[in-house]
Each structure stands twice: as C-alpha cells, then as structure tokens.
C-alpha cells in the first residue's frame, strides 16, 4: 500500500455534453415507481460546482484532506491502476462530515431563509445567487458575523434522520463543534457503534422502526413537538427547528462534492482518471462528486455502485423517473435508502452518470477482507461498494486493461464484533435482514 501526497490544483473547466445513456432496467419486481416526495412543485434549486468551491473553503481547516492510497497487489490482480480516496479517515469516520458541516454552517453564516429542507423534500435557499462566485469570493463569504451566529446557536435546533453516518456527522458538526442542539432520528437496528458515537458528539437520539414506520412521518411529528416546546426555566421561545436530510439538500450535496474536488486535485500529475467509482445510497455523494468531475475531469466516466437488494438508483436512471422501493435488506446499512431525492436524481441525470451497477453482500464481504488483509484498513460494508463495483466490471471485461480508476472509500464505521463476524464467513443470505 502506498500513499499519494501530491496536492497540485487543477483549474475548473466547463462541463461538457455527453451521449452516455443509463443501463437497461433490471428484471421487474414488486417495487413501485413514484416521484420523490416534495412539498414544492417549483423547479429544484440545484447546487453547482461553484457551491462545491464554496463548501471547500467552509471546510478548510475543519475537515481532513483525506489521503489517496494505492495497492500494487490490486493493480496486478485487476490489470488496471487504482487510486483510493480514503474517507474512512475523515472526521467521524466517513465522508458525511463534509455535507453536514457545510449545511449547518450555511444556516449559521447567512441571513435569509433559515427553514432548512422540507421533510421528504429538498433543501434550498430562496436568496442564493452563487453561480458567479470564484475562490476569493468564497473565502470572503466565509467570514461569519459573530453576534448573529451566537443568536442563531441559541435559537436553532438541527433535526435529521439517519442510519448512522449522517447522524454522527450532524451531531459532531452542529452540537460538538458549533454548539447547536441536534435531534437525530435513527432506526432501532442501527449499528450500536454509530448510535454511541452520535450520542457522544451530543446528539439527542430518537429511535424508530425502519421496517414498519415512515421516517418522514416520524420526523414531522418530532419537528412539531420540538417547535412547540419552550424552555420553562429561561422563558425563551421555542427553537427554530431546521431539518437537514442525509442527501437531498443543496449544501449537503455541495459538501460531499469536495470529495471529488480533492480527489482530482491531489492525484499524481498526468494521471487522468478513466473511471471513478462511487457508492450510491440516496445519491448525495455521487451527485456532489459528479459536479466536481464534470468541471475538473470531463473525460472521466462516473459509475455508481449500490447493493443488489437496493437497486432503486439503477432503476431510476434506467426508467427516467424516481423509483421507490421498500427498505432494502443488506449489510450495507449506509445504502439502505428507499429512493433518490429530487435534487440527486436531477443531478445524476443532468451530469450523465455513465451507469449504476449492483453488487451482492457477499462481494462486499470479499472487499472488507481485501482492505483488511492487503491495505490494513477497516472499512464498513457500504465503504466497499465502489471497489466491489470496479472488480465486477473488470471481471466482466467492461473496464479496459491499463485504465486509471478512482475508488471512493466512503467510510469505516463498523462494530468490531460485526466486522469480525462478517469477514470470518458470517454474511447473511441475500435479502435477509442482517
């Protein structure tokens, strides 16, 4: 295993057009197709690469600029050059910190719309006009009004739902670092490690049953309860509850896009990526990275990878509309989403993602073993999706020999007992609840 430390910066270039088309739909299933739920019928306020630039300055000195690693063993096995962007070394152990911190800071730093996202809908800001900013403007706009920030910290409460990594990210960013109270709705079967970490960062955890309850309905109820509460001891008015969803939010997506920006800037000189593999749950990471990739490396083919049991993104791009499925049963708990968001679907469609491929839980376990044995890294199942997708396409002869391939390792948060059970052969049958 080797580490790449170059930090050359590539100037942004305009996104090109592409004629790539999504893959044909897989065999039919009982899942229904429906538009994403949103309380607004107005056109989505999509993030741009300029928002990614702004997010990078917001995160400067706060988020880790994670390393790029390589493996000669893997290169020899696959016949391609592989570069890993290791977000398992990010703060709280996953890329989610980037989007959470960017979004929370947005509501603290800026005047105007502070309502956050509609639950089940999208995050936007009616007062934004950021399409023409540059790096210097982004730096200047990061200067926070201290008095306004103090008032907002006392008045705001952040609400979200998450199976684990976004939960930890919001609790760390909002409560631990920025002093804003946070309430996190988590499934009862969320990994204990992620629940404990969320609480340790100061998040107030509320549980629900992801297989029997609709998390949007749970979030609406809790938001009403929080908004109607008051501090009896201080006589203060109820807090302003801001909902920041895990992926379908302009500034969450922009923050996640900094993964791609850094990746492409920090590659060794004269190493253009032919392919970039990214895991897909709700599509926030792939959407953000696609904005950076189209600006900085338009020749790179973007490939999303999701669990076989949860192929809603693949089907959505194939059919041209958002497909909604039951909560998938997979060991990749970070990809147990039911559908893309309207923002992420639109970006993935507009940015011409090459294709979405699926892999089995067994393939994820194989990659967990590879990371542990050959690269000495503990990687959670969701973090193995991208490598499993690359290995699958190489095996099928659909990635050319000698190609340069980027792989995003999205996170490393997994209970050690669970990790040991999986890599020692304890993977459940496909479609069985872990």
Protein backbone atom coordinates (compact mmCIF):
# COMPACT_ATOMS: atom_id res chain seq x y z
CA UNK A 1 0.00 0.00 0.00
CA UNK A 2 1.34 3.43 -0.92
CA UNK A 3 0.14 6.92 -0.19
CA UNK A 4 -0.09 9.75 -2.71
CA UNK A 5 0.66 13.15 -1.23
CA UNK A 6 0.73 15.44 -4.26
CA UNK A 7 -1.53 18.48 -3.93
CA UNK A 8 -1.49 20.07 -7.37
CA UNK A 9 -4.61 22.09 -8.18
CA UNK A 10 -6.48 21.65 -11.43
CA UNK A 11 -8.41 24.69 -12.71
CA UNK A 12 -12.13 24.19 -13.30
CA UNK A 13 -13.30 23.62 -16.85
CA UNK A 14 -16.85 23.89 -18.20
CA UNK A 15 -18.92 20.71 -18.03
CA UNK A 16 -19.28 19.06 -21.43
CA UNK A 17 -22.17 17.30 -23.02
CA UNK A 18 -22.27 13.52 -23.16
CA UNK A 19 -24.23 10.95 -25.04
CA UNK A 20 -23.86 8.21 -22.42
CA UNK A 21 -27.11 6.50 -21.59
CA UNK A 22 -28.16 4.65 -18.45
CA UNK A 23 -28.28 0.86 -18.42
CA UNK A 24 -31.43 -1.05 -19.31
CA UNK A 25 -33.78 -1.75 -16.41
CA UNK A 26 -33.28 -4.96 -14.44
CA UNK A 27 -35.93 -7.66 -14.21
CA UNK A 28 -39.25 -6.48 -12.85
CA UNK A 29 -40.01 -6.55 -9.15
CA UNK A 30 -42.84 -5.57 -6.85
CA UNK A 31 -41.32 -2.14 -6.18
CA UNK A 32 -43.38 0.78 -7.37
CA UNK A 33 -42.21 3.83 -9.25
CA UNK A 34 -43.19 7.23 -7.95
CA UNK A 35 -41.89 10.77 -7.91
CA UNK A 36 -39.88 11.81 -4.90
CA UNK A 37 -41.98 13.40 -2.22
CA UNK A 38 -41.63 17.13 -2.07
CA UNK A 39 -43.97 19.77 -0.78
CA UNK A 40 -42.94 22.12 -3.59
CA UNK A 41 -43.68 21.83 -7.29
CA UNK A 42 -41.20 24.56 -8.20
CA UNK A 43 -38.03 23.66 -10.14
CA UNK A 44 -35.33 22.29 -7.82
CA UNK A 45 -32.62 24.73 -6.71
CA UNK A 46 -29.68 22.61 -7.81
CA UNK A 47 -26.15 23.06 -6.47
CA UNK A 48 -23.38 23.85 -8.94
CA UNK A 49 -19.63 23.38 -8.95
CA UNK A 50 -19.37 26.91 -7.58
CA UNK A 51 -21.21 25.67 -4.48
CA UNK A 52 -18.62 22.90 -4.19
CA UNK A 53 -15.87 25.54 -4.28
CA UNK A 54 -17.64 27.48 -1.54
CA UNK A 55 -18.03 24.31 0.53
CA UNK A 56 -14.32 23.57 0.19
CA UNK A 57 -13.49 26.91 1.79
CA UNK A 58 -16.06 26.35 4.53
CA UNK A 59 -14.41 23.02 5.33
CA UNK A 60 -10.83 24.27 5.11
CA UNK A 61 -9.07 23.62 8.41
CA UNK A 62 -12.09 21.73 9.75
CA UNK A 63 -12.41 18.59 7.62
CA UNK A 64 -9.44 16.34 6.89
CA UNK A 65 -7.99 16.37 3.41
CA UNK A 66 -8.03 12.60 3.26
CA UNK A 67 -5.23 10.61 1.62
CA UNK A 68 -5.14 8.85 -1.71
CA UNK A 69 -3.78 5.30 -1.37
CA UNK A 70 -2.78 2.67 -3.91
CA UNK A 71 -2.18 -1.09 -3.87
CA UNK A 72 0.30 -2.75 -6.21
CA UNK A 73 -1.30 -6.08 -5.36
CA UNK A 74 -4.70 -4.92 -6.55
CA UNK A 75 -3.28 -3.29 -9.67
CA UNK A 76 -1.64 -6.59 -10.58
CA UNK A 77 -4.82 -8.57 -9.87
CA UNK A 78 -7.08 -6.35 -11.97
CA UNK A 79 -4.70 -5.13 -14.66
CA UNK A 80 -5.65 -1.51 -14.02
CA UNK A 81 -4.28 1.33 -11.86
CA UNK A 82 -6.46 2.00 -8.84
CA UNK A 83 -6.44 5.11 -6.65
CA UNK A 84 -8.41 5.10 -3.39
CA UNK A 85 -9.81 8.31 -1.86
CA UNK A 86 -9.98 7.22 1.78
CA UNK A 87 -12.88 8.95 3.50
CA UNK A 88 -12.72 6.30 6.22
CA UNK A 89 -10.01 8.61 7.62
CA UNK A 90 -12.36 11.62 7.66
CA UNK A 91 -13.60 13.11 10.93
CA UNK A 92 -16.21 10.77 12.48
CA UNK A 93 -15.02 8.13 10.02
CA UNK A 94 -16.96 8.95 6.85
CA UNK A 95 -17.48 11.50 4.07
CA UNK A 96 -20.78 12.57 5.65
CA UNK A 97 -18.99 15.12 7.86
CA UNK A 98 -18.37 17.30 4.82
CA UNK A 99 -22.01 17.74 3.89
CA UNK A 100 -23.26 18.05 7.46
CA UNK A 101 -20.79 20.75 8.45
CA UNK A 102 -21.34 22.68 5.21
CA UNK A 103 -25.12 22.66 5.69
CA UNK A 104 -25.08 23.64 9.38
CA UNK A 105 -22.63 26.46 8.72
CA UNK A 106 -24.88 27.69 5.93
CA UNK A 107 -27.73 28.28 8.37
CA UNK A 108 -25.43 29.95 10.88
CA UNK A 109 -23.46 32.12 8.48
CA UNK A 110 -26.06 33.53 6.15
CA UNK A 111 -29.05 35.82 6.54
CA UNK A 112 -32.30 34.92 4.77
CA UNK A 113 -34.02 31.58 4.54
CA UNK A 114 -33.27 29.51 7.64
CA UNK A 115 -36.06 26.96 7.34
CA UNK A 116 -33.90 24.10 6.09
CA UNK A 117 -35.34 21.33 3.94
CA UNK A 118 -38.91 20.20 3.68
CA UNK A 119 -39.09 16.79 5.34
CA UNK A 120 -39.15 14.30 2.50
CA UNK A 121 -38.36 17.15 0.13
CA UNK A 122 -35.33 19.22 -0.62
CA UNK A 123 -33.05 21.78 0.98
CA UNK A 124 -32.81 25.16 -0.70
CA UNK A 125 -32.23 28.84 -0.10
CA UNK A 126 -34.52 31.30 -1.82
CA UNK A 127 -31.96 34.08 -1.51
CA UNK A 128 -28.98 32.35 -3.08
CA UNK A 129 -27.30 33.64 -6.24
CA UNK A 130 -23.97 31.86 -6.16
CA UNK A 131 -23.43 30.86 -9.78
CA UNK A 132 -20.78 33.50 -10.45
CA UNK A 133 -18.58 33.24 -7.36
CA UNK A 134 -14.89 32.41 -7.51
CA UNK A 135 -12.41 31.10 -4.98
CA UNK A 136 -11.64 34.54 -3.48
CA UNK A 137 -15.33 35.37 -3.17
CA UNK A 138 -15.93 32.06 -1.45
CA UNK A 139 -13.19 32.80 1.08
CA UNK A 140 -14.58 36.26 1.81
CA UNK A 141 -18.12 34.94 2.18
CA UNK A 142 -16.92 32.55 4.92
CA UNK A 143 -16.47 35.44 7.37
CA UNK A 144 -19.17 34.90 9.98
CA UNK A 145 -20.98 37.62 11.91
CA UNK A 146 -20.23 36.55 15.48
CA UNK A 147 -23.24 38.21 17.10
CA UNK A 148 -25.63 36.73 14.54
CA UNK A 149 -24.01 33.32 14.97
CA UNK A 150 -24.40 33.44 18.75
CA UNK A 151 -28.08 34.32 18.38
CA UNK A 152 -28.61 31.51 15.90
CA UNK A 153 -26.86 28.95 18.09
CA UNK A 154 -29.23 29.82 20.92
CA UNK A 155 -32.29 29.73 18.68
CA UNK A 156 -31.65 26.86 16.26
CA UNK A 157 -32.09 23.12 16.67
CA UNK A 158 -30.99 20.77 13.90
CA UNK A 159 -33.20 17.78 13.12
CA UNK A 160 -32.33 14.88 10.84
CA UNK A 161 -32.76 11.17 10.31
CA UNK A 162 -30.03 8.69 9.51
CA UNK A 163 -28.97 5.07 9.88
CA UNK A 164 -25.65 6.17 11.30
CA UNK A 165 -23.01 8.18 9.45
CA UNK A 166 -25.08 11.30 8.74
CA UNK A 167 -26.33 11.04 12.33
CA UNK A 168 -22.79 11.18 13.66
CA UNK A 169 -21.86 13.92 11.22
CA UNK A 170 -24.73 16.21 12.24
CA UNK A 171 -24.11 15.64 15.95
CA UNK A 172 -20.39 16.36 15.56
CA UNK A 173 -20.78 19.35 13.25
CA UNK A 174 -23.79 21.00 14.85
CA UNK A 175 -23.58 20.19 18.55
CA UNK A 176 -19.97 19.32 19.32
CA UNK A 177 -18.25 21.85 17.06
CA UNK A 178 -20.78 24.66 16.51
CA UNK A 179 -22.81 24.50 19.71
CA UNK A 180 -26.21 23.94 18.07
CA UNK A 181 -28.50 21.32 19.66
CA UNK A 182 -29.34 18.38 17.41
CA UNK A 183 -32.02 15.71 17.41
CA UNK A 184 -31.27 12.58 15.40
CA UNK A 185 -33.90 10.02 14.36
CA UNK A 186 -32.24 6.62 13.99
CA UNK A 187 -33.57 3.13 13.20
CA UNK A 188 -33.70 0.75 16.15
CA UNK A 189 -31.38 -1.65 14.32
CA UNK A 190 -28.74 0.99 13.60
CA UNK A 191 -25.22 -0.25 14.37
CA UNK A 192 -24.56 0.27 18.10
CA UNK A 193 -21.19 1.88 17.34
CA UNK A 194 -22.89 4.59 15.30
CA UNK A 195 -25.57 5.19 17.94
CA UNK A 196 -22.97 5.51 20.70
CA UNK A 197 -20.83 7.85 18.61
CA UNK A 198 -23.83 10.06 17.79
CA UNK A 199 -24.64 10.40 21.47
CA UNK A 200 -21.01 11.03 22.36
CA UNK A 201 -21.00 14.04 20.00
CA UNK A 202 -24.02 15.44 21.85
CA UNK A 203 -26.86 14.34 19.58
CA UNK A 204 -30.26 13.57 21.12
CA UNK A 205 -31.16 10.18 19.59
CA UNK A 206 -34.78 9.14 18.95
CA UNK A 207 -35.44 5.62 17.61
CA UNK A 208 -37.98 4.34 15.09
CA UNK A 209 -38.69 1.04 13.30
CA UNK A 210 -37.48 1.47 9.72
CA UNK A 211 -39.42 -1.57 8.51
CA UNK A 212 -42.79 -0.51 9.99
CA UNK A 213 -42.69 3.29 10.26
CA UNK A 214 -42.23 6.00 7.64
CA UNK A 215 -39.32 8.11 8.79
CA UNK A 216 -40.76 11.25 7.16
CA UNK A 217 -43.89 10.91 9.30
CA UNK A 218 -41.76 10.34 12.40
CA UNK A 219 -39.68 13.42 11.57
CA UNK A 220 -42.79 15.57 11.03
CA UNK A 221 -44.11 14.55 14.43
CA UNK A 222 -40.85 15.24 16.21
CA UNK A 223 -40.42 18.55 14.43
CA UNK A 224 -43.87 19.64 15.63
CA UNK A 225 -43.04 18.57 19.18
CA UNK A 226 -39.73 20.43 19.16
CA UNK A 227 -41.20 23.55 17.57
CA UNK A 228 -43.99 23.77 20.14
CA UNK A 229 -41.70 23.24 23.12
CA UNK A 230 -40.32 26.08 25.21
CA UNK A 231 -37.70 26.47 27.87
CA UNK A 232 -39.68 26.77 31.09
CA UNK A 233 -36.58 27.63 33.09
CA UNK A 234 -35.42 30.50 30.87
CA UNK A 235 -38.71 31.59 29.38
CA UNK A 236 -37.19 31.53 25.92
CA UNK A 237 -39.38 30.96 22.86
CA UNK A 238 -39.35 27.53 21.20
CA UNK A 239 -36.36 26.81 18.97
CA UNK A 240 -36.29 27.25 15.22
CA UNK A 241 -36.09 23.63 14.04
CA UNK A 242 -34.04 23.23 10.86
CA UNK A 243 -34.29 19.89 9.07
CA UNK A 244 -31.12 18.76 7.24
CA UNK A 245 -31.71 15.49 5.37
CA UNK A 246 -28.93 12.97 4.69
CA UNK A 247 -28.60 13.63 0.96
CA UNK A 248 -31.38 15.65 -0.71
CA UNK A 249 -30.09 19.08 0.28
CA UNK A 250 -28.23 21.67 -1.77
CA UNK A 251 -25.46 22.30 0.76
CA UNK A 252 -25.13 18.68 1.84
CA UNK A 253 -24.53 17.77 -1.80
CA UNK A 254 -22.06 20.63 -2.22
CA UNK A 255 -20.12 19.47 0.83
CA UNK A 256 -19.96 15.90 -0.44
CA UNK A 257 -18.71 17.24 -3.76
CA UNK A 258 -15.48 18.33 -2.10
CA UNK A 259 -14.51 14.63 -2.01
CA UNK A 260 -14.33 14.68 -5.80
CA UNK A 261 -12.66 18.09 -5.94
CA UNK A 262 -9.86 16.98 -3.62
CA UNK A 263 -9.52 13.60 -5.30
CA UNK A 264 -8.98 15.09 -8.74
CA UNK A 265 -6.70 17.86 -7.47
CA UNK A 266 -4.48 15.52 -5.44
CA UNK A 267 -3.87 12.78 -7.98
CA UNK A 268 -0.29 12.48 -9.25
CA UNK A 269 0.47 14.77 -12.21
CA UNK A 270 -0.50 13.42 -15.62
CA UNK A 271 -2.83 10.81 -14.10
CA UNK A 272 -6.24 11.42 -15.66
CA UNK A 273 -8.92 9.09 -14.34
CA UNK A 274 -10.71 6.97 -16.91
CA UNK A 275 -13.30 5.79 -14.37
CA UNK A 276 -14.48 6.97 -10.97
CA UNK A 277 -16.47 4.51 -8.83
CA UNK A 278 -18.71 5.88 -6.07
CA UNK A 279 -21.19 4.20 -3.73
CA UNK A 280 -24.87 5.14 -4.03
CA UNK A 281 -27.47 5.33 -1.29
CA UNK A 282 -29.58 8.45 -1.67
CA UNK A 283 -27.16 9.82 -4.26
CA UNK A 284 -25.69 12.77 -2.35
CA UNK A 285 -22.06 11.67 -2.66
CA UNK A 286 -22.30 10.67 -6.32
CA UNK A 287 -24.21 13.86 -7.16
CA UNK A 288 -21.66 16.11 -5.50
CA UNK A 289 -18.71 14.27 -7.00
CA UNK A 290 -20.31 14.45 -10.44
CA UNK A 291 -20.36 18.26 -10.22
CA UNK A 292 -16.63 18.31 -9.46
CA UNK A 293 -15.75 15.65 -12.02
CA UNK A 294 -17.58 17.34 -14.87
CA UNK A 295 -15.75 20.59 -14.10
CA UNK A 296 -12.27 19.20 -13.45
CA UNK A 297 -12.10 15.95 -15.44
CA UNK A 298 -14.86 15.78 -18.06
CA UNK A 299 -13.38 12.69 -19.71
CA UNK A 300 -13.81 10.60 -16.55
CA UNK A 301 -16.66 8.09 -16.63
CA UNK A 302 -18.69 8.08 -13.42
CA UNK A 303 -20.01 4.74 -12.15
CA UNK A 304 -22.33 4.43 -9.19
CA UNK A 305 -22.47 1.21 -7.16
CA UNK A 306 -25.35 0.11 -4.93
CA UNK A 307 -26.42 -3.12 -3.21
CA UNK A 308 -28.24 -5.67 -5.33
CA UNK A 309 -31.05 -5.66 -2.77
CA UNK A 310 -31.48 -1.90 -3.12
CA UNK A 311 -31.13 -1.05 -6.81
CA UNK A 312 -33.50 1.93 -6.83
CA UNK A 313 -30.91 4.31 -8.31
CA UNK A 314 -30.12 1.93 -11.16
CA UNK A 315 -33.80 1.56 -11.96
CA UNK A 316 -34.45 5.29 -11.61
CA UNK A 317 -31.84 6.25 -14.19
CA UNK A 318 -33.00 3.44 -16.48
CA UNK A 319 -36.66 4.46 -16.38
CA UNK A 320 -36.19 8.23 -16.24
CA UNK A 321 -38.24 8.66 -13.06
CA UNK A 322 -37.59 8.15 -9.37
CA UNK A 323 -38.27 4.54 -8.32
CA UNK A 324 -39.25 3.96 -4.70
CA UNK A 325 -38.61 0.58 -3.05
CA UNK A 326 -39.12 -0.96 0.39
CA UNK A 327 -36.20 -0.61 2.79
CA UNK A 328 -33.61 -3.00 1.35
CA UNK A 329 -32.20 -5.82 3.47
CA UNK A 330 -28.44 -5.55 3.11
CA UNK A 331 -25.34 -5.40 5.27
CA UNK A 332 -24.56 -2.02 3.62
CA UNK A 333 -26.55 -0.04 6.20
CA UNK A 334 -25.42 3.28 4.69
CA UNK A 335 -27.18 2.37 1.43
CA UNK A 336 -30.50 1.21 2.88
CA UNK A 337 -32.34 4.09 1.24
CA UNK A 338 -35.71 3.72 -0.46
CA UNK A 339 -35.28 6.24 -3.26
CA UNK A 340 -33.19 9.05 -4.68
CA UNK A 341 -34.12 12.64 -3.89
CA UNK A 342 -35.44 15.05 -6.49
CA UNK A 343 -32.18 17.00 -6.33
CA UNK A 344 -29.88 13.99 -6.54
CA UNK A 345 -31.93 12.37 -9.32
CA UNK A 346 -31.86 15.55 -11.38
CA UNK A 347 -28.10 15.99 -10.94
CA UNK A 348 -27.30 12.36 -11.77
CA UNK A 349 -29.45 12.69 -14.88
CA UNK A 350 -28.03 16.08 -15.92
CA UNK A 351 -24.40 15.09 -15.29
CA UNK A 352 -24.72 11.93 -17.41
CA UNK A 353 -23.51 9.37 -14.89
CA UNK A 354 -22.20 6.53 -17.03
CA UNK A 355 -24.09 3.77 -15.28
CA UNK A 356 -25.18 2.28 -11.96
CA UNK A 357 -24.08 -1.28 -11.16
CA UNK A 358 -25.09 -3.56 -8.30
CA UNK A 359 -23.12 -5.96 -6.12
CA UNK A 360 -24.07 -8.61 -3.58
CA UNK A 361 -23.44 -8.60 0.15
CA UNK A 362 -21.01 -11.47 -0.39
CA UNK A 363 -18.96 -9.30 -2.75
CA UNK A 364 -18.88 -6.56 -0.10
CA UNK A 365 -17.50 -9.02 2.46
CA UNK A 366 -14.80 -10.06 -0.01
CA UNK A 367 -13.70 -6.42 -0.27
CA UNK A 368 -13.78 -5.98 3.50
CA UNK A 369 -11.30 -8.85 3.68
CA UNK A 370 -9.15 -7.33 0.94
CA UNK A 371 -8.97 -3.95 2.67
CA UNK A 372 -8.14 -5.58 5.99
CA UNK A 373 -5.60 -8.10 4.75
CA UNK A 374 -3.83 -6.16 2.00
CA UNK A 375 -4.30 -2.47 2.85
CA UNK A 376 -4.57 -2.77 6.64
CA UNK A 377 -7.77 -0.75 6.77
CA UNK A 378 -11.09 -1.42 8.48
CA UNK A 379 -13.80 -0.45 6.00
CA UNK A 380 -17.54 -0.76 6.60
CA UNK A 381 -19.68 -2.67 4.08
CA UNK A 382 -21.04 0.48 2.42
CA UNK A 383 -17.48 1.73 2.03
CA UNK A 384 -16.68 -1.39 -0.02
CA UNK A 385 -19.36 -0.80 -2.66
CA UNK A 386 -17.15 1.16 -5.06
CA UNK A 387 -14.30 -1.37 -5.12
CA UNK A 388 -16.74 -4.25 -5.48
CA UNK A 389 -18.26 -2.48 -8.49
CA UNK A 390 -14.85 -1.95 -10.10
CA UNK A 391 -13.85 -5.56 -9.57
CA UNK A 392 -17.16 -6.73 -11.08
CA UNK A 393 -16.76 -4.66 -14.24
CA UNK A 394 -13.14 -5.77 -14.66
CA UNK A 395 -14.26 -9.39 -14.33
CA UNK A 396 -16.93 -8.77 -17.00
CA UNK A 397 -14.38 -7.20 -19.32
CA UNK A 398 -16.14 -3.82 -19.21
CA UNK A 399 -13.15 -1.84 -17.91
CA UNK A 400 -10.21 -1.73 -20.31
CA UNK A 401 -6.85 -3.10 -19.17
CA UNK A 402 -4.46 -0.36 -18.15
CA UNK A 403 -7.26 2.06 -17.22
CA UNK A 404 -6.79 4.54 -14.37
CA UNK A 405 -9.63 4.02 -11.91
CA UNK A 406 -10.65 6.09 -8.90
CA UNK A 407 -12.45 4.42 -6.00
CA UNK A 408 -14.07 6.35 -3.15
CA UNK A 409 -13.89 4.52 0.18
CA UNK A 410 -16.86 6.22 1.81
CA UNK A 411 -16.42 5.21 5.45
CA UNK A 412 -15.04 2.88 8.07
CA UNK A 413 -17.62 2.87 10.87
CA UNK A 414 -18.40 -0.73 11.76
CA UNK A 415 -18.69 -2.54 15.08
CA UNK A 416 -15.64 -4.75 15.53
CA UNK A 417 -17.73 -7.77 16.54
CA UNK A 418 -19.85 -7.33 13.43
CA UNK A 419 -16.75 -6.82 11.30
CA UNK A 420 -15.11 -9.97 12.60
CA UNK A 421 -18.28 -11.99 12.12
CA UNK A 422 -18.63 -10.85 8.51
CA UNK A 423 -15.06 -11.40 7.40
CA UNK A 424 -14.98 -14.81 9.06
CA UNK A 425 -17.89 -16.02 6.94
CA UNK A 426 -20.96 -14.72 8.70
CA UNK A 427 -22.57 -12.92 5.76
CA UNK A 428 -26.33 -13.50 5.67
CA UNK A 429 -28.13 -14.78 2.58
CA UNK A 430 -29.08 -12.06 0.10
CA UNK A 431 -32.32 -10.37 1.09
CA UNK A 432 -32.18 -11.45 4.74
CA UNK A 433 -32.18 -8.76 7.39
CA UNK A 434 -28.70 -8.50 8.92
